[in-house]
């Protein structure tokens, strides 16, 4: 029996003004899996995530979450369904402390602070530091931790390792690995191919607004033509 899809995009079209960015894009994220969306710059990866979140409207096609049609819902309603989005710019407030960031959303069934600090010991050490006092890696950890306070059913990560030192990338990979072990469903956009291949169960390759390939990371690793043509590897 196949695992049910938690998130499904069915022939989705999305535009920026007159620019047709996503073209009949179809993909699925099965419950309990990690899916990576890969592609060159400008392929439409971030637009796909923003379309899922209702930030970019669906012009055609359908978006479903846990079997329900959520096409056209505003962003706040999509978030309340259990989708947490960690944007590429991290969205850290300069004047707020780590602790204040983690207590912004008071969700009854959310992750308690003790669990957050256990999962992110570096943040526990810096709980009184303000956003401007954190390194890029610490800001990324805080952005992920803040999303987890909502106890999401689906965690969406946009370029979680961008601009980070290799040692911090390893920390982020370890965090993602633990979340995967706990059964959290994740969808991530990533330029770091080794990182994505390491944690993903399934990979979609996006090129010029269309899905060009999908399958297991091992199969992609063996397909030199796809890697060269659509990923530039």
Protein backbone atom coordinates (compact mmCIF):
# COMPACT_ATOMS: atom_id res chain seq x y z
CA UNK A 1 0.00 0.00 0.00
CA UNK A 2 1.42 3.38 -0.99
CA UNK A 3 1.95 6.15 1.54
CA UNK A 4 -0.77 8.83 1.23
CA UNK A 5 0.22 12.22 -0.15
CA UNK A 6 0.19 14.98 2.43
CA UNK A 7 0.79 17.64 -0.21
CA UNK A 8 -0.04 17.43 -3.91
CA UNK A 9 0.33 19.93 -6.73
CA UNK A 10 -1.72 18.97 -9.77
CA UNK A 11 -0.85 20.72 -13.06
CA UNK A 12 -0.23 24.04 -11.29
CA UNK A 13 0.40 27.22 -13.27
CA UNK A 14 1.73 30.36 -11.57
CA UNK A 15 2.73 33.75 -12.93
CA UNK A 16 4.64 36.87 -11.99
CA UNK A 17 2.70 39.50 -13.89
CA UNK A 18 2.83 38.13 -17.46
CA UNK A 19 5.76 35.83 -16.83
CA UNK A 20 4.61 32.19 -16.84
CA UNK A 21 6.88 30.79 -14.11
CA UNK A 22 5.31 27.43 -13.19
CA UNK A 23 3.89 25.44 -16.09
CA UNK A 24 1.59 22.48 -15.39
CA UNK A 25 3.74 21.53 -12.40
CA UNK A 26 2.74 18.31 -10.66
CA UNK A 27 4.46 16.81 -7.63
CA UNK A 28 3.64 15.03 -4.38
CA UNK A 29 5.03 14.96 -0.87
CA UNK A 30 4.06 11.76 0.90
CA UNK A 31 3.43 11.80 4.62
CA UNK A 32 6.55 11.09 6.67
CA UNK A 33 8.99 11.65 3.81
CA UNK A 34 11.54 14.30 2.87
CA UNK A 35 11.26 15.66 -0.67
CA UNK A 36 13.93 17.86 -2.27
CA UNK A 37 13.18 20.23 -5.14
CA UNK A 38 16.35 20.89 -7.12
CA UNK A 39 17.17 23.05 -10.11
CA UNK A 40 19.27 25.89 -11.45
CA UNK A 41 18.75 29.51 -10.40
CA UNK A 42 15.55 30.84 -11.92
CA UNK A 43 14.00 27.40 -12.43
CA UNK A 44 10.99 28.28 -10.26
CA UNK A 45 11.89 26.51 -7.03
CA UNK A 46 11.13 29.33 -4.58
CA UNK A 47 8.04 30.22 -6.60
CA UNK A 48 6.81 26.65 -6.06
CA UNK A 49 7.15 27.03 -2.29
CA UNK A 50 5.46 30.44 -2.32
CA UNK A 51 2.63 28.96 -4.39
CA UNK A 52 2.14 26.22 -1.81
CA UNK A 53 1.93 28.92 0.88
CA UNK A 54 -0.54 31.04 -1.09
CA UNK A 55 1.94 33.90 -1.46
CA UNK A 56 1.94 33.45 -5.24
CA UNK A 57 -1.58 32.63 -6.51
CA UNK A 58 -2.39 29.50 -8.48
CA UNK A 59 -3.55 30.56 -11.94
CA UNK A 60 -4.52 27.03 -13.06
CA UNK A 61 -4.44 23.56 -11.56
CA UNK A 62 -5.06 22.37 -8.00
CA UNK A 63 -3.22 22.40 -4.69
CA UNK A 64 -4.23 19.79 -2.11
CA UNK A 65 -3.18 19.28 1.49
CA UNK A 66 -4.15 16.07 3.28
CA UNK A 67 -6.69 15.41 0.54
CA UNK A 68 -8.47 18.77 0.83
CA UNK A 69 -8.45 21.31 -1.99
CA UNK A 70 -6.67 24.39 -0.63
CA UNK A 71 -6.29 26.21 -3.95
CA UNK A 72 -6.77 29.93 -3.46
CA UNK A 73 -6.71 29.92 0.34
CA UNK A 74 -4.92 32.89 1.92
CA UNK A 75 -1.52 32.30 3.46
CA UNK A 76 -2.65 32.48 7.08
CA UNK A 77 -5.26 29.77 6.53
CA UNK A 78 -2.74 27.51 4.81
CA UNK A 79 -0.35 27.99 7.72
CA UNK A 80 -3.08 27.07 10.20
CA UNK A 81 -3.57 23.75 8.42
CA UNK A 82 -0.12 22.79 9.68
CA UNK A 83 2.37 24.06 7.11
CA UNK A 84 5.39 25.99 8.42
CA UNK A 85 7.57 27.92 5.97
CA UNK A 86 11.21 28.82 6.58
CA UNK A 87 12.00 31.44 3.91
CA UNK A 88 15.33 31.96 2.23
CA UNK A 89 15.83 35.32 3.98
CA UNK A 90 15.13 33.65 7.38
CA UNK A 91 12.89 36.49 8.60
CA UNK A 92 14.81 37.17 11.81
CA UNK A 93 13.88 40.34 13.72
CA UNK A 94 16.98 42.36 14.58
CA UNK A 95 15.79 43.67 17.96
CA UNK A 96 14.20 40.48 19.34
CA UNK A 97 16.10 37.93 21.40
CA UNK A 98 16.24 34.25 20.56
CA UNK A 99 13.80 33.57 23.40
CA UNK A 100 11.39 36.24 22.16
CA UNK A 101 11.44 34.79 18.64
CA UNK A 102 10.55 31.38 20.04
CA UNK A 103 7.64 32.68 22.10
CA UNK A 104 6.05 34.79 19.34
CA UNK A 105 3.54 32.08 18.45
CA UNK A 106 1.69 30.72 21.46
CA UNK A 107 0.21 27.53 20.02
CA UNK A 108 -1.46 25.18 22.54
CA UNK A 109 -0.13 21.99 20.92
CA UNK A 110 3.16 23.45 19.70
CA UNK A 111 6.65 22.32 20.60
CA UNK A 112 7.47 23.43 24.17
CA UNK A 113 10.56 25.56 24.67
CA UNK A 114 12.32 22.77 26.52
CA UNK A 115 12.08 20.54 23.48
CA UNK A 116 13.25 23.34 21.20
CA UNK A 117 16.30 24.10 23.32
CA UNK A 118 17.11 20.40 23.59
CA UNK A 119 17.04 20.10 19.81
CA UNK A 120 18.99 23.34 19.32
CA UNK A 121 21.52 23.59 22.18
CA UNK A 122 23.32 26.45 20.43
CA UNK A 123 20.12 28.52 20.68
CA UNK A 124 19.79 27.65 24.36
CA UNK A 125 23.24 29.13 24.91
CA UNK A 126 22.23 32.30 23.06
CA UNK A 127 18.66 32.66 24.28
CA UNK A 128 19.26 36.30 25.36
CA UNK A 129 21.11 37.32 22.17
CA UNK A 130 19.29 39.58 19.73
CA UNK A 131 18.89 38.84 16.04
CA UNK A 132 21.76 41.10 15.02
CA UNK A 133 24.11 39.28 17.42
CA UNK A 134 23.63 35.89 15.76
CA UNK A 135 25.75 34.38 13.01
CA UNK A 136 24.15 33.33 9.74
CA UNK A 137 24.06 29.73 10.88
CA UNK A 138 22.49 30.65 14.20
CA UNK A 139 19.87 32.72 12.41
CA UNK A 140 19.05 29.74 10.20
CA UNK A 141 18.72 27.48 13.25
CA UNK A 142 16.46 30.06 14.89
CA UNK A 143 14.28 30.31 11.80
CA UNK A 144 13.84 26.53 11.74
CA UNK A 145 13.28 26.35 15.51
CA UNK A 146 10.65 29.10 15.34
CA UNK A 147 8.78 27.13 12.67
CA UNK A 148 8.89 24.02 14.85
CA UNK A 149 7.21 25.83 17.74
CA UNK A 150 4.05 25.51 15.63
CA UNK A 151 4.36 21.69 15.59
CA UNK A 152 3.85 21.62 11.80
CA UNK A 153 2.65 18.64 9.83
CA UNK A 154 4.76 19.85 6.91
CA UNK A 155 7.98 21.85 7.23
CA UNK A 156 9.04 23.79 4.13
CA UNK A 157 12.67 24.92 3.93
CA UNK A 158 13.97 27.31 1.26
CA UNK A 159 17.75 27.03 0.78
CA UNK A 160 18.52 26.09 4.41
CA UNK A 161 22.29 25.82 3.82
CA UNK A 162 22.83 28.85 1.57
CA UNK A 163 25.87 30.89 2.54
CA UNK A 164 26.74 28.73 5.54
CA UNK A 165 30.16 27.36 6.46
CA UNK A 166 30.62 23.59 5.99
CA UNK A 167 30.67 22.94 9.74
CA UNK A 168 27.30 24.71 10.11
CA UNK A 169 25.91 22.82 7.12
CA UNK A 170 26.77 19.64 9.02
CA UNK A 171 24.82 20.91 12.04
CA UNK A 172 21.80 21.74 9.88
CA UNK A 173 22.05 18.30 8.26
CA UNK A 174 22.12 16.65 11.69
CA UNK A 175 19.05 18.64 12.76
CA UNK A 176 17.19 17.71 9.56
CA UNK A 177 18.20 14.09 10.05
CA UNK A 178 16.76 14.03 13.56
CA UNK A 179 13.51 15.61 12.37
CA UNK A 180 13.29 13.00 9.62
CA UNK A 181 13.83 10.21 12.15
CA UNK A 182 10.94 11.64 14.19
CA UNK A 183 8.70 11.33 11.12
CA UNK A 184 8.33 15.01 10.24
CA UNK A 185 7.34 15.55 6.60
CA UNK A 186 9.61 18.05 4.87
CA UNK A 187 9.82 19.79 1.50
CA UNK A 188 13.07 21.61 0.79
CA UNK A 189 14.57 23.67 -1.97
CA UNK A 190 18.34 23.39 -2.03
CA UNK A 191 21.31 24.26 -4.24
CA UNK A 192 23.64 22.06 -2.18
CA UNK A 193 23.18 18.78 -4.04
CA UNK A 194 25.10 16.54 -1.58
CA UNK A 195 23.07 17.93 1.34
CA UNK A 196 19.77 17.36 -0.46
CA UNK A 197 20.70 13.86 -1.63
CA UNK A 198 21.77 12.96 1.89
CA UNK A 199 18.44 13.63 3.59
CA UNK A 200 15.83 13.34 0.83
CA UNK A 201 13.72 10.24 0.17
CA UNK A 202 12.61 11.61 -3.19
CA UNK A 203 13.90 14.29 -5.54
CA UNK A 204 12.16 16.45 -8.12
CA UNK A 205 14.28 18.32 -10.66
CA UNK A 206 12.75 21.56 -11.88
CA UNK A 207 13.79 23.30 -15.08
CA UNK A 208 12.18 26.34 -16.72
CA UNK A 209 9.05 25.95 -14.63
CA UNK A 210 8.46 22.26 -15.35
CA UNK A 211 9.35 19.02 -13.59
CA UNK A 212 12.09 17.44 -15.72
CA UNK A 213 12.86 14.38 -13.59
CA UNK A 214 11.79 12.74 -10.35
CA UNK A 215 12.86 9.70 -8.43
CA UNK A 216 15.15 8.45 -5.69
CA UNK A 217 18.40 10.31 -4.88
CA UNK A 218 20.47 7.27 -5.86
CA UNK A 219 18.86 7.18 -9.31
CA UNK A 220 19.57 10.88 -9.81
CA UNK A 221 23.17 10.40 -8.71
CA UNK A 222 23.58 7.84 -11.49
CA UNK A 223 21.97 10.03 -14.18
CA UNK A 224 24.80 12.23 -15.43
CA UNK A 225 22.71 13.74 -18.25
CA UNK A 226 20.01 15.07 -15.92
CA UNK A 227 22.57 16.40 -13.46
CA UNK A 228 24.49 18.18 -16.21
CA UNK A 229 21.49 19.54 -18.14
CA UNK A 230 19.24 20.66 -15.31
CA UNK A 231 21.52 21.04 -12.30
CA UNK A 232 24.77 22.14 -13.90
CA UNK A 233 26.72 19.40 -12.13
